[in-house]
N, C-alpha and C. Protein backbone atom coordinates (compact mmCIF):
# COMPACT_ATOMS: atom_id res chain seq x y z
N MET A 1 -14.39 12.41 -21.67
CA MET A 1 -14.70 11.17 -21.88
C MET A 1 -14.94 10.00 -21.48
N THR A 2 -15.55 9.45 -21.68
CA THR A 2 -16.66 8.60 -21.66
C THR A 2 -16.08 6.67 -21.97
N CYS A 3 -16.31 6.12 -20.53
CA CYS A 3 -16.02 4.43 -20.38
C CYS A 3 -16.93 3.59 -20.29
N THR A 4 -17.16 2.94 -20.82
CA THR A 4 -18.24 1.24 -20.25
C THR A 4 -17.30 0.69 -19.92
N ILE A 5 -17.91 0.36 -18.46
CA ILE A 5 -16.97 -1.01 -17.93
C ILE A 5 -17.86 -2.14 -18.55
N ILE A 6 -17.37 -3.20 -18.43
CA ILE A 6 -18.13 -4.80 -18.65
C ILE A 6 -17.21 -5.93 -18.18
N SER A 7 -17.87 -6.90 -17.83
CA SER A 7 -17.32 -7.84 -16.82
C SER A 7 -17.78 -9.23 -18.11
N THR A 8 -17.18 -10.12 -18.32
CA THR A 8 -17.76 -11.12 -19.36
C THR A 8 -18.14 -12.23 -17.82
N GLY A 9 -17.91 -12.37 -16.39
CA GLY A 9 -18.64 -12.45 -15.13
C GLY A 9 -17.81 -13.53 -14.87
N GLU A 10 -16.44 -13.81 -15.62
CA GLU A 10 -15.33 -15.13 -14.83
C GLU A 10 -15.00 -14.75 -13.77
N GLU A 11 -15.06 -13.84 -12.74
CA GLU A 11 -14.85 -13.75 -11.30
C GLU A 11 -16.09 -14.10 -10.56
N LEU A 12 -16.96 -14.65 -10.80
CA LEU A 12 -17.64 -15.55 -10.34
C LEU A 12 -17.40 -16.88 -10.35
N ASP A 13 -16.65 -16.97 -11.31
CA ASP A 13 -16.28 -18.78 -11.68
C ASP A 13 -15.40 -19.24 -10.72
N LEU A 14 -14.41 -18.20 -9.88
CA LEU A 14 -13.31 -18.10 -9.38
C LEU A 14 -13.98 -18.99 -7.95
N VAL A 15 -13.28 -19.79 -7.77
CA VAL A 15 -13.37 -20.67 -6.02
C VAL A 15 -14.45 -20.60 -4.99
N CYS A 16 -13.45 -19.13 -4.39
CA CYS A 16 -13.45 -18.37 -3.61
C CYS A 16 -14.88 -17.65 -3.38
N LYS A 17 -15.97 -17.74 -2.68
CA LYS A 17 -17.30 -17.02 -3.23
C LYS A 17 -17.05 -15.56 -1.37
N ASN A 18 -16.20 -16.04 -0.68
CA ASN A 18 -16.14 -14.76 -0.23
C ASN A 18 -15.49 -13.35 -0.49
N GLU A 19 -15.55 -12.52 -1.15
CA GLU A 19 -14.78 -11.50 -1.97
C GLU A 19 -14.14 -10.35 -0.87
N LYS A 20 -13.70 -10.73 0.55
CA LYS A 20 -12.76 -10.40 1.40
C LYS A 20 -11.71 -11.17 0.89
N GLU A 21 -12.17 -12.94 0.85
CA GLU A 21 -10.66 -13.50 0.29
C GLU A 21 -10.18 -13.21 -0.30
N PRO A 22 -8.69 -13.37 -0.63
CA PRO A 22 -7.51 -14.14 -2.40
C PRO A 22 -8.80 -14.56 -3.68
N PRO A 23 -8.83 -14.31 -4.31
CA PRO A 23 -8.24 -13.16 -5.16
C PRO A 23 -9.26 -11.68 -5.38
N TYR A 24 -10.31 -11.85 -4.47
CA TYR A 24 -11.18 -10.83 -4.69
C TYR A 24 -10.21 -9.36 -3.97
N PRO A 25 -10.09 -9.28 -3.57
CA PRO A 25 -9.30 -8.22 -2.62
C PRO A 25 -8.58 -7.21 -3.89
N GLU A 26 -7.67 -8.33 -4.16
CA GLU A 26 -6.75 -7.94 -5.69
C GLU A 26 -6.89 -7.28 -6.43
N ILE A 27 -8.47 -8.54 -7.25
CA ILE A 27 -9.44 -7.94 -8.23
C ILE A 27 -9.68 -6.42 -8.06
N LYS A 28 -10.22 -6.05 -7.14
CA LYS A 28 -10.64 -4.97 -6.66
C LYS A 28 -9.57 -3.69 -6.73
N THR A 29 -8.56 -3.87 -5.94
CA THR A 29 -7.65 -3.97 -6.09
C THR A 29 -6.89 -2.90 -7.57
N LYS A 30 -6.42 -3.52 -8.77
CA LYS A 30 -6.49 -3.82 -9.51
C LYS A 30 -7.17 -2.57 -10.88
N LEU A 31 -8.95 -2.77 -10.18
CA LEU A 31 -10.09 -2.56 -10.70
C LEU A 31 -9.69 -1.37 -10.01
N LEU A 32 -9.88 -0.93 -8.62
CA LEU A 32 -8.60 0.73 -8.85
C LEU A 32 -7.81 1.66 -9.61
N GLU A 33 -6.63 0.66 -9.58
CA GLU A 33 -5.65 1.19 -10.13
C GLU A 33 -6.36 1.66 -11.60
N LYS A 34 -6.74 1.01 -12.67
CA LYS A 34 -7.15 0.94 -13.75
C LYS A 34 -8.17 1.56 -13.84
N ILE A 35 -9.01 2.15 -12.93
CA ILE A 35 -10.35 2.69 -13.58
C ILE A 35 -9.87 4.60 -12.71
N TRP A 36 -8.45 4.23 -12.11
CA TRP A 36 -7.89 5.37 -12.07
C TRP A 36 -6.96 6.51 -13.05
N GLU A 37 -6.17 5.24 -13.54
CA GLU A 37 -5.29 5.66 -14.30
C GLU A 37 -6.42 6.49 -15.67
N LEU A 38 -7.27 5.62 -16.55
CA LEU A 38 -8.39 5.95 -17.16
C LEU A 38 -9.08 7.63 -16.47
N TYR A 39 -8.87 7.40 -15.46
CA TYR A 39 -9.41 9.22 -14.85
C TYR A 39 -8.40 10.18 -15.64
N CYS A 40 -6.97 9.59 -15.18
CA CYS A 40 -5.82 10.08 -15.42
C CYS A 40 -5.49 10.52 -16.69
N ARG A 41 -5.85 10.36 -17.74
CA ARG A 41 -5.97 9.72 -19.07
C ARG A 41 -7.27 11.08 -19.45
N GLY A 42 -8.05 11.02 -18.77
CA GLY A 42 -9.04 11.81 -19.37
C GLY A 42 -10.48 11.86 -19.05
N TYR A 43 -10.93 10.07 -19.07
CA TYR A 43 -12.15 9.50 -18.77
C TYR A 43 -12.69 10.10 -17.35
N ASP A 44 -13.52 10.86 -17.37
CA ASP A 44 -14.48 10.77 -15.97
C ASP A 44 -15.49 10.99 -16.31
N ARG A 45 -16.70 10.07 -16.79
CA ARG A 45 -17.98 9.65 -17.15
C ARG A 45 -17.90 7.91 -17.20
N PHE A 46 -18.32 7.39 -16.45
CA PHE A 46 -18.19 5.80 -16.09
C PHE A 46 -19.29 5.33 -16.35
N TRP A 47 -19.71 4.22 -17.26
CA TRP A 47 -21.19 3.65 -17.63
C TRP A 47 -20.76 2.20 -16.77
N VAL A 48 -21.98 1.60 -16.05
CA VAL A 48 -21.54 0.09 -15.56
C VAL A 48 -23.11 -0.12 -15.44
N ASN A 49 -23.37 -1.50 -15.91
CA ASN A 49 -24.23 -2.09 -15.16
C ASN A 49 -25.35 -2.47 -13.64
N CYS A 50 -23.96 -2.16 -13.39
CA CYS A 50 -24.12 -2.48 -12.10
C CYS A 50 -24.68 -4.24 -11.50
N GLU A 51 -23.96 -5.05 -12.28
CA GLU A 51 -24.74 -6.28 -11.97
C GLU A 51 -23.83 -7.00 -10.97
N TYR A 52 -23.92 -7.74 -10.08
CA TYR A 52 -23.09 -8.40 -8.89
C TYR A 52 -21.33 -8.32 -9.57
N GLY A 53 -20.48 -8.81 -9.13
CA GLY A 53 -18.72 -9.10 -9.08
C GLY A 53 -18.78 -7.81 -9.81
N VAL A 54 -17.27 -7.75 -10.44
CA VAL A 54 -16.85 -6.73 -11.19
C VAL A 54 -18.13 -5.33 -11.62
N PRO A 55 -18.88 -5.58 -12.68
CA PRO A 55 -19.41 -3.83 -12.65
C PRO A 55 -20.30 -3.26 -11.02
N LEU A 56 -20.79 -4.17 -10.17
CA LEU A 56 -20.96 -3.61 -8.95
C LEU A 56 -19.90 -3.07 -8.05
N TRP A 57 -18.79 -4.27 -8.01
CA TRP A 57 -17.05 -3.41 -7.38
C TRP A 57 -17.35 -2.37 -8.04
N CYS A 58 -16.45 -1.90 -9.53
CA CYS A 58 -16.35 -0.94 -10.34
C CYS A 58 -16.91 0.20 -10.22
N ALA A 59 -18.51 -0.14 -9.91
CA ALA A 59 -19.13 1.68 -8.96
C ALA A 59 -19.53 2.04 -8.19
N GLU A 60 -18.66 0.97 -6.95
CA GLU A 60 -18.49 1.36 -5.96
C GLU A 60 -17.13 2.05 -5.65
N ILE A 61 -16.11 1.56 -6.36
CA ILE A 61 -14.72 2.67 -6.47
C ILE A 61 -15.23 4.04 -7.52
N ILE A 62 -16.05 3.59 -8.76
CA ILE A 62 -16.50 5.18 -9.37
C ILE A 62 -16.58 5.99 -7.97
N SER A 63 -17.46 5.38 -7.27
CA SER A 63 -18.74 6.81 -6.16
C SER A 63 -17.74 6.97 -5.31
N ALA A 64 -16.37 6.41 -4.62
CA ALA A 64 -15.70 6.79 -3.63
C ALA A 64 -15.20 8.05 -3.99
N LEU A 65 -14.23 7.74 -5.32
CA LEU A 65 -13.53 8.62 -6.18
C LEU A 65 -14.57 9.34 -6.50
N ARG A 66 -15.38 9.51 -6.49
CA ARG A 66 -16.46 10.73 -6.78
C ARG A 66 -15.88 12.14 -5.48
N MET A 67 -16.09 11.92 -4.36
CA MET A 67 -15.81 12.24 -3.20
C MET A 67 -14.92 13.58 -3.28
N TYR A 68 -13.57 13.41 -4.20
CA TYR A 68 -12.99 13.93 -4.07
C TYR A 68 -12.26 14.27 -5.72
N ASN A 69 -13.21 13.83 -6.70
CA ASN A 69 -13.01 14.24 -7.81
C ASN A 69 -14.11 14.53 -8.95
N ASN A 70 -14.14 14.85 -9.90
CA ASN A 70 -14.71 15.10 -10.87
C ASN A 70 -15.12 14.40 -11.62
N ILE A 71 -16.04 13.31 -11.72
CA ILE A 71 -16.19 11.93 -11.95
C ILE A 71 -17.59 11.33 -12.18
N GLU A 72 -17.85 11.09 -12.90
CA GLU A 72 -19.24 10.73 -12.60
C GLU A 72 -19.35 9.01 -12.91
N LEU A 73 -20.78 8.43 -12.38
CA LEU A 73 -21.15 7.47 -12.38
C LEU A 73 -22.62 7.27 -13.02
N HIS A 74 -22.84 6.69 -14.66
CA HIS A 74 -24.14 6.05 -14.65
C HIS A 74 -23.99 4.92 -15.04
N ILE A 75 -25.32 4.58 -14.58
CA ILE A 75 -26.03 3.01 -14.76
C ILE A 75 -26.75 2.65 -15.65
N ALA A 76 -27.07 1.31 -16.52
CA ALA A 76 -28.00 1.36 -17.29
C ALA A 76 -28.50 -0.62 -16.95
N MET A 77 -29.34 -0.29 -16.05
CA MET A 77 -30.12 -1.05 -15.62
C MET A 77 -31.22 -2.24 -16.46
N PRO A 78 -30.74 -3.79 -16.52
CA PRO A 78 -30.69 -4.25 -17.72
C PRO A 78 -32.11 -4.31 -17.74
N TYR A 79 -33.12 -4.34 -16.80
CA TYR A 79 -33.97 -4.82 -16.27
C TYR A 79 -35.01 -4.12 -15.61
N GLU A 80 -35.88 -3.95 -14.66
CA GLU A 80 -36.17 -2.91 -14.18
C GLU A 80 -36.18 -3.84 -12.40
N GLU A 81 -36.38 -5.15 -12.55
CA GLU A 81 -36.72 -6.53 -11.23
C GLU A 81 -35.19 -6.78 -11.21
N GLN A 82 -33.42 -6.24 -11.62
CA GLN A 82 -32.39 -6.82 -11.67
C GLN A 82 -32.21 -7.57 -10.84
N SER A 83 -32.43 -6.59 -9.53
CA SER A 83 -32.02 -7.07 -8.26
C SER A 83 -32.25 -7.67 -7.11
N THR A 84 -34.10 -8.25 -7.95
CA THR A 84 -34.87 -8.39 -6.93
C THR A 84 -34.49 -10.11 -5.75
N ASN A 85 -33.97 -10.95 -6.81
CA ASN A 85 -33.43 -12.60 -6.37
C ASN A 85 -31.92 -12.35 -5.49
N TRP A 86 -31.09 -11.32 -5.18
CA TRP A 86 -30.27 -10.66 -4.51
C TRP A 86 -30.49 -11.61 -3.56
N VAL A 87 -29.21 -11.20 -2.19
CA VAL A 87 -29.07 -11.57 -0.82
C VAL A 87 -29.80 -9.51 -0.81
N GLU A 88 -29.79 -9.44 0.72
CA GLU A 88 -30.24 -8.54 0.75
C GLU A 88 -29.01 -7.55 0.94
N GLU A 89 -27.64 -7.48 1.53
CA GLU A 89 -26.22 -7.49 1.52
C GLU A 89 -26.05 -6.77 0.50
N PHE A 90 -25.97 -7.44 -0.90
CA PHE A 90 -26.02 -6.69 -2.15
C PHE A 90 -26.77 -6.32 -2.76
N ARG A 91 -28.04 -6.43 -2.24
CA ARG A 91 -29.51 -5.28 -2.73
C ARG A 91 -29.29 -3.96 -2.71
N ASP A 92 -29.14 -4.39 -0.97
CA ASP A 92 -28.23 -2.44 -0.82
C ASP A 92 -27.70 -1.96 -0.88
N ARG A 93 -25.85 -2.72 -1.59
CA ARG A 93 -25.26 -1.92 -2.20
C ARG A 93 -25.71 -1.21 -3.45
N PHE A 94 -26.92 -2.61 -4.20
CA PHE A 94 -26.97 -1.70 -5.57
C PHE A 94 -28.27 -0.49 -5.10
N PHE A 95 -28.60 -0.66 -4.28
CA PHE A 95 -29.36 0.95 -4.26
C PHE A 95 -28.82 1.58 -4.03
N GLU A 96 -28.05 1.83 -2.78
CA GLU A 96 -26.67 2.61 -2.47
C GLU A 96 -26.13 3.42 -3.34
N LEU A 97 -25.99 2.73 -4.33
CA LEU A 97 -25.43 2.98 -5.54
C LEU A 97 -26.02 3.33 -6.24
N HIS A 98 -27.25 3.38 -6.39
CA HIS A 98 -28.46 4.11 -7.32
C HIS A 98 -28.15 5.74 -6.87
N ALA A 99 -28.55 5.61 -5.86
CA ALA A 99 -29.08 7.12 -4.72
C ALA A 99 -27.56 7.84 -4.83
N ARG A 100 -26.49 7.66 -5.42
CA ARG A 100 -25.58 8.04 -5.67
C ARG A 100 -24.64 8.42 -7.17
N ALA A 101 -25.48 8.10 -7.93
CA ALA A 101 -25.20 7.69 -9.54
C ALA A 101 -25.61 9.11 -9.54
N ASP A 102 -24.48 9.49 -10.84
CA ASP A 102 -25.84 11.17 -11.50
C ASP A 102 -26.70 10.55 -12.51
N SER A 103 -26.73 9.01 -12.95
CA SER A 103 -28.31 9.03 -13.52
C SER A 103 -28.01 7.30 -13.44
N VAL A 104 -29.73 6.94 -13.80
CA VAL A 104 -29.58 5.60 -13.61
C VAL A 104 -30.35 5.69 -14.80
N GLU A 105 -30.58 4.73 -15.42
CA GLU A 105 -31.32 4.31 -16.56
C GLU A 105 -31.53 2.67 -17.11
N ILE A 106 -33.28 2.41 -16.64
CA ILE A 106 -33.41 1.07 -17.25
C ILE A 106 -34.01 0.96 -18.43
N VAL A 107 -33.33 0.36 -19.16
CA VAL A 107 -33.61 0.20 -20.28
C VAL A 107 -34.45 -1.42 -20.80
N SER A 108 -35.10 -2.25 -19.87
CA SER A 108 -36.52 -2.65 -20.30
C SER A 108 -37.16 -2.94 -18.76
N ASP A 109 -38.07 -2.55 -19.10
CA ASP A 109 -39.34 -3.13 -18.20
C ASP A 109 -38.99 -4.26 -17.74
N GLN A 110 -38.87 -5.19 -17.83
CA GLN A 110 -38.88 -6.64 -17.81
C GLN A 110 -37.89 -7.59 -18.88
N TYR A 111 -37.54 -8.82 -17.38
CA TYR A 111 -36.51 -9.62 -18.28
C TYR A 111 -36.61 -9.96 -19.92
N ASP A 112 -35.52 -10.17 -20.32
CA ASP A 112 -35.49 -10.48 -21.72
C ASP A 112 -34.37 -11.10 -21.80
N GLU A 113 -34.01 -12.47 -22.49
CA GLU A 113 -33.24 -12.54 -22.83
C GLU A 113 -31.45 -11.70 -23.32
N LYS A 114 -32.39 -10.92 -24.06
CA LYS A 114 -30.86 -10.05 -24.42
C LYS A 114 -31.00 -8.12 -23.79
N CYS A 115 -32.12 -8.09 -22.79
CA CYS A 115 -32.05 -7.15 -21.96
C CYS A 115 -30.04 -6.59 -21.21
N TYR A 116 -29.46 -7.57 -20.84
CA TYR A 116 -28.10 -7.25 -21.08
C TYR A 116 -27.38 -7.12 -22.46
N ASN A 117 -27.64 -7.61 -23.31
CA ASN A 117 -26.86 -7.15 -24.73
C ASN A 117 -27.18 -5.59 -24.78
N TRP A 118 -28.78 -5.08 -24.40
CA TRP A 118 -29.45 -4.06 -25.23
C TRP A 118 -28.51 -2.74 -23.95
N ALA A 119 -28.24 -3.10 -22.33
CA ALA A 119 -28.24 -2.28 -21.82
C ALA A 119 -26.56 -1.76 -22.51
N ASP A 120 -25.39 -3.58 -22.46
CA ASP A 120 -24.40 -2.82 -22.75
C ASP A 120 -24.66 -1.73 -24.30
N GLU A 121 -25.07 -2.01 -25.21
CA GLU A 121 -25.50 -1.09 -26.43
C GLU A 121 -25.88 0.40 -26.00
N HIS A 122 -26.69 0.61 -25.13
CA HIS A 122 -26.95 1.46 -24.57
C HIS A 122 -25.73 2.21 -23.99
N MET A 123 -24.93 1.30 -23.07
CA MET A 123 -23.63 1.88 -22.78
C MET A 123 -22.27 2.43 -23.05
N ILE A 124 -22.55 1.60 -24.33
CA ILE A 124 -21.36 1.76 -25.70
C ILE A 124 -21.77 2.76 -26.18
N ASP A 125 -22.88 3.25 -26.98
CA ASP A 125 -23.41 3.50 -28.25
C ASP A 125 -22.70 5.43 -27.12
N ASP A 126 -23.00 6.16 -25.60
CA ASP A 126 -22.27 6.81 -25.16
C ASP A 126 -20.74 6.79 -24.61
N SER A 127 -20.33 5.88 -25.12
CA SER A 127 -18.54 6.02 -24.61
C SER A 127 -17.98 6.24 -26.17
N ASP A 128 -16.29 6.40 -25.61
CA ASP A 128 -15.45 6.45 -26.10
C ASP A 128 -14.69 5.55 -25.99
N LEU A 129 -14.62 4.73 -24.82
CA LEU A 129 -13.71 3.44 -24.76
C LEU A 129 -14.62 2.44 -24.46
N LEU A 130 -14.69 1.45 -24.62
CA LEU A 130 -15.02 0.27 -23.62
C LEU A 130 -13.86 -1.07 -22.94
N LEU A 131 -14.38 -1.09 -21.63
CA LEU A 131 -12.89 -1.37 -21.21
C LEU A 131 -13.90 -3.04 -20.08
N VAL A 132 -12.96 -4.00 -20.97
CA VAL A 132 -13.90 -5.63 -20.41
C VAL A 132 -13.40 -6.02 -19.45
N ILE A 133 -13.47 -6.74 -18.22
CA ILE A 133 -12.03 -6.60 -17.77
C ILE A 133 -12.92 -8.63 -17.54
N GLY A 134 -11.91 -9.27 -18.59
CA GLY A 134 -12.03 -10.64 -18.29
C GLY A 134 -11.51 -10.99 -19.52
N ASN A 135 -11.73 -12.56 -19.94
CA ASN A 135 -11.00 -12.68 -21.64
C ASN A 135 -11.64 -12.51 -22.06
N ILE A 136 -11.25 -11.41 -23.08
CA ILE A 136 -12.13 -11.45 -24.91
C ILE A 136 -12.41 -12.76 -25.00
N ALA A 137 -11.86 -13.92 -25.13
CA ALA A 137 -11.72 -14.95 -26.34
C ALA A 137 -13.64 -15.96 -25.74
N LYS A 138 -13.59 -15.76 -24.10
CA LYS A 138 -15.28 -15.94 -23.72
C LYS A 138 -15.99 -15.16 -24.96
N ASN A 139 -17.35 -15.75 -24.96
CA ASN A 139 -18.48 -14.94 -25.92
C ASN A 139 -18.49 -13.37 -25.29
N CYS A 140 -18.14 -12.25 -26.00
CA CYS A 140 -18.86 -11.22 -25.12
C CYS A 140 -18.83 -10.96 -25.60
N TYR A 141 -20.68 -10.29 -25.83
CA TYR A 141 -21.70 -9.55 -26.86
C TYR A 141 -21.06 -7.78 -26.62
N GLY A 142 -20.79 -7.24 -25.83
CA GLY A 142 -20.48 -5.92 -25.81
C GLY A 142 -19.47 -5.89 -26.50
N ALA A 143 -18.22 -6.87 -26.54
CA ALA A 143 -17.02 -6.34 -27.33
C ALA A 143 -17.20 -6.96 -28.50
N GLY A 144 -18.14 -7.19 -29.11
CA GLY A 144 -18.25 -7.64 -30.74
C GLY A 144 -19.09 -6.00 -31.04
N TYR A 145 -19.79 -5.93 -30.24
CA TYR A 145 -20.92 -4.31 -30.50
C TYR A 145 -19.70 -3.57 -30.85
N ALA A 146 -18.53 -2.55 -29.89
CA ALA A 146 -18.04 -1.95 -29.58
C ALA A 146 -17.11 -1.60 -30.81
N LYS A 147 -16.66 -3.38 -30.46
CA LYS A 147 -15.67 -3.31 -32.57
C LYS A 147 -16.73 -2.69 -33.74
N SER A 148 -18.02 -3.21 -33.88
CA SER A 148 -18.49 -2.67 -35.13
C SER A 148 -19.27 -1.70 -34.52
N GLN A 149 -19.30 -0.93 -33.56
CA GLN A 149 -19.35 0.53 -34.07
C GLN A 149 -17.96 1.67 -33.94
N ASP A 150 -16.84 0.72 -34.12
CA ASP A 150 -15.65 1.81 -33.71
C ASP A 150 -15.46 2.08 -32.46
N ILE A 151 -15.63 1.60 -31.44
CA ILE A 151 -15.18 2.42 -30.30
C ILE A 151 -13.91 1.53 -29.62
N SER A 152 -13.29 2.28 -29.29
CA SER A 152 -11.90 1.67 -28.59
C SER A 152 -11.99 1.01 -27.59
N MET A 153 -11.45 0.04 -26.93
CA MET A 153 -11.65 -1.61 -26.38
C MET A 153 -10.06 -1.33 -25.74
N GLU A 154 -10.48 -1.72 -24.32
CA GLU A 154 -8.97 -2.63 -23.11
C GLU A 154 -9.39 -3.94 -22.76
N ILE A 155 -9.08 -4.29 -22.70
CA ILE A 155 -9.17 -5.55 -21.80
C ILE A 155 -8.02 -5.96 -20.75
N LEU A 156 -8.48 -6.13 -19.61
CA LEU A 156 -8.07 -6.34 -18.27
C LEU A 156 -8.99 -7.38 -17.62
N GLY A 157 -7.28 -8.50 -18.39
CA GLY A 157 -7.95 -10.56 -18.68
C GLY A 157 -7.98 -10.85 -16.37
N ILE A 158 -8.70 -11.02 -16.49
CA ILE A 158 -8.99 -12.07 -15.15
C ILE A 158 -7.71 -13.12 -14.50
N ASP A 159 -7.53 -13.38 -16.25
CA ASP A 159 -6.69 -14.65 -15.53
C ASP A 159 -5.30 -14.03 -14.88
N ASN A 160 -5.18 -13.14 -14.87
CA ASN A 160 -4.32 -12.35 -13.82
C ASN A 160 -4.42 -12.31 -12.62
N PHE A 161 -5.83 -12.92 -12.01
CA PHE A 161 -5.73 -12.81 -10.86
C PHE A 161 -5.99 -14.09 -10.05
N ARG A 162 -6.00 -14.88 -10.74
CA ARG A 162 -6.55 -16.71 -10.61
C ARG A 162 -4.84 -17.04 -9.49
N GLU A 163 -5.31 -17.66 -8.36
CA GLU A 163 -4.22 -18.00 -7.92
C GLU A 163 -3.60 -19.26 -7.81
N ILE A 164 -2.73 -19.58 -7.99
CA ILE A 164 -1.40 -20.65 -8.45
C ILE A 164 -1.47 -21.18 -7.27
């Protein structure tokens, strides 16, 4: 079965910007636990858009799990120049994941305000489940699209990771 993982981007709004400091390691641990749970439930194909934050981290987790498990990583690039303005470290991680992925599909040749929505549609159309990382109350195009296509959805709220 196939699962698409998308993020509302809330992890990028947290105070700490170093992903090695709290709450990011906790977020990554929860992502690993959730992806493993899904794999154990029969989801062995995963789609991500590989955007910085949760999608990139999920791709790294799935790629690591592939070493010892029959699991597939598929990437839908919203547009060809997606990582052009990223810092070198993240751009290198991005392209390393592309080299390890089972497939990489470019949804749009150039940036368009709707290209991320198109990437979500592309991934969700090939999925049995949508996993949304973040609060669904936030405007999330992918969640609405999945609902309109009658695709099952699970939510892992980012509020669970905020420091009190």
